[in-house]
Amino acid sequence: MIIMPKYKLDQRLQVDREIDPPSKTLYIGLGWDEHSGQGRKHYRQFYNDELENDKEIFPRPSPFESYELRKG
């Protein structure tokens, strides 16, 4: 669910460039690295719905207690 970025040295500019970033439709980038060894930037898998509704993660009904909230 978490992917760390890979870097390669750009010989012309002498800076680290990220290579092979994951798909933007499946992962969201979080954090930033000032240099390649810092380890703050990472990618997390993105879900369009609540995790309780995803049958791959929770094959059974939700393990959480849920209550219907009403205004008033």
C-alpha atoms as a PDB file:
ATOM      1  CA  MET A   1       0.000   0.000   0.000  1.00  0.00           C
ATOM      2  CA  ILE A   2       2.997   2.321   0.431  1.00  0.00           C
ATOM      3  CA  ILE A   3       5.647   2.797  -2.264  1.00  0.00           C
ATOM      4  CA  MET A   4       8.873   4.702  -1.749  1.00  0.00           C
ATOM      5  CA  PRO A   5      10.268   6.679  -4.719  1.00  0.00           C
ATOM      6  CA  LYS A   6      13.407   5.644  -6.616  1.00  0.00           C
ATOM      7  CA  TYR A   7      16.010   8.207  -7.630  1.00  0.00           C
ATOM      8  CA  LYS A   8      18.752   8.393 -10.242  1.00  0.00           C
ATOM      9  CA  LEU A   9      21.478  11.017 -10.586  1.00  0.00           C
ATOM     10  CA  ASP A  10      21.026  13.386 -13.549  1.00  0.00           C
ATOM     11  CA  GLN A  11      24.599  13.709 -14.852  1.00  0.00           C
ATOM     12  CA  ARG A  12      23.999  17.008 -16.666  1.00  0.00           C
ATOM     13  CA  LEU A  13      22.502  18.912 -13.712  1.00  0.00           C
ATOM     14  CA  GLN A  14      24.069  16.836 -10.908  1.00  0.00           C
ATOM     15  CA  VAL A  15      20.726  16.410  -9.088  1.00  0.00           C
ATOM     16  CA  ASP A  16      18.696  13.361  -8.119  1.00  0.00           C
ATOM     17  CA  ARG A  17      15.645  12.782 -10.327  1.00  0.00           C
ATOM     18  CA  GLU A  18      12.761  10.470  -9.464  1.00  0.00           C
ATOM     19  CA  ILE A  19      12.385   7.540 -11.865  1.00  0.00           C
ATOM     20  CA  ASP A  20       9.381   5.273 -12.505  1.00  0.00           C
ATOM     21  CA  PRO A  21       6.726   7.032 -10.383  1.00  0.00           C
ATOM     22  CA  PRO A  22       3.578   4.926  -9.787  1.00  0.00           C
ATOM     23  CA  SER A  23       0.307   5.595 -11.607  1.00  0.00           C
ATOM     24  CA  LYS A  24      -1.479   8.763 -10.453  1.00  0.00           C
ATOM     25  CA  THR A  25      -4.853   7.017 -10.760  1.00  0.00           C
ATOM     26  CA  LEU A  26      -3.899   4.391  -8.141  1.00  0.00           C
ATOM     27  CA  TYR A  27      -1.491   6.236  -5.823  1.00  0.00           C
ATOM     28  CA  ILE A  28      -1.294   9.682  -4.232  1.00  0.00           C
ATOM     29  CA  GLY A  29       2.069  11.320  -3.553  1.00  0.00           C
ATOM     30  CA  LEU A  30       2.714  12.583  -0.031  1.00  0.00           C
ATOM     31  CA  GLY A  31       5.653  14.520   1.399  1.00  0.00           C
ATOM     32  CA  TRP A  32       8.822  15.616  -0.374  1.00  0.00           C
ATOM     33  CA  ASP A  33      12.526  14.844  -0.337  1.00  0.00           C
ATOM     34  CA  GLU A  34      15.186  17.542  -0.494  1.00  0.00           C
ATOM     35  CA  HIS A  35      17.699  14.824  -1.437  1.00  0.00           C
ATOM     36  CA  SER A  36      17.367  11.139  -2.319  1.00  0.00           C
ATOM     37  CA  GLY A  37      18.295   9.679   1.088  1.00  0.00           C
ATOM     38  CA  GLN A  38      15.807  11.656   3.144  1.00  0.00           C
ATOM     39  CA  GLY A  39      12.895   9.182   2.968  1.00  0.00           C
ATOM     40  CA  ARG A  40      10.006  11.617   3.573  1.00  0.00           C
ATOM     41  CA  LYS A  41       8.313  11.332   0.161  1.00  0.00           C
ATOM     42  CA  HIS A  42       6.134   8.281  -0.415  1.00  0.00           C
ATOM     43  CA  TYR A  43       3.071   7.152  -2.328  1.00  0.00           C
ATOM     44  CA  ARG A  44      -0.054   5.661  -0.767  1.00  0.00           C
ATOM     45  CA  GLN A  45      -2.703   3.629  -2.501  1.00  0.00           C
ATOM     46  CA  PHE A  46      -5.847   5.640  -3.174  1.00  0.00           C
ATOM     47  CA  TYR A  47      -9.384   4.288  -2.691  1.00  0.00           C
ATOM     48  CA  ASN A  48     -12.503   5.952  -4.120  1.00  0.00           C
ATOM     49  CA  ASP A  49     -14.825   4.586  -1.433  1.00  0.00           C
ATOM     50  CA  GLU A  50     -14.724   3.930   2.303  1.00  0.00           C
ATOM     51  CA  LEU A  51     -12.417   1.041   3.177  1.00  0.00           C
ATOM     52  CA  GLU A  52     -15.273  -0.788   4.904  1.00  0.00           C
ATOM     53  CA  ASN A  53     -17.031  -1.071   1.532  1.00  0.00           C
ATOM     54  CA  ASP A  54     -13.999  -2.578  -0.248  1.00  0.00           C
ATOM     55  CA  LYS A  55     -14.416  -6.380  -0.307  1.00  0.00           C
ATOM     56  CA  GLU A  56     -10.686  -6.983  -0.991  1.00  0.00           C
ATOM     57  CA  ILE A  57      -9.690  -5.355   2.303  1.00  0.00           C
ATOM     58  CA  PHE A  58     -12.694  -6.426   4.399  1.00  0.00           C
ATOM     59  CA  PRO A  59     -14.253  -9.625   2.998  1.00  0.00           C
ATOM     60  CA  ARG A  60     -16.739  -9.727   5.913  1.00  0.00           C
ATOM     61  CA  PRO A  61     -19.149  -6.966   6.890  1.00  0.00           C
ATOM     62  CA  SER A  62     -17.555  -4.009   8.636  1.00  0.00           C
ATOM     63  CA  PRO A  63     -15.742  -4.872  11.905  1.00  0.00           C
ATOM     64  CA  PHE A  64     -16.503  -1.359  13.163  1.00  0.00           C
ATOM     65  CA  GLU A  65     -19.566  -0.290  15.090  1.00  0.00           C
ATOM     66  CA  SER A  66     -21.670   2.081  13.035  1.00  0.00           C
ATOM     67  CA  TYR A  67     -24.540   4.315  14.012  1.00  0.00           C
ATOM     68  CA  GLU A  68     -26.963   6.254  11.865  1.00  0.00           C
ATOM     69  CA  LEU A  69     -26.681   9.941  12.723  1.00  0.00           C
ATOM     70  CA  ARG A  70     -29.650  12.235  12.441  1.00  0.00           C
ATOM     71  CA  LYS A  71     -29.837  15.961  12.787  1.00  0.00           C
ATOM     72  CA  GLY A  72     -32.170  17.387  15.384  1.00  0.00           C
END
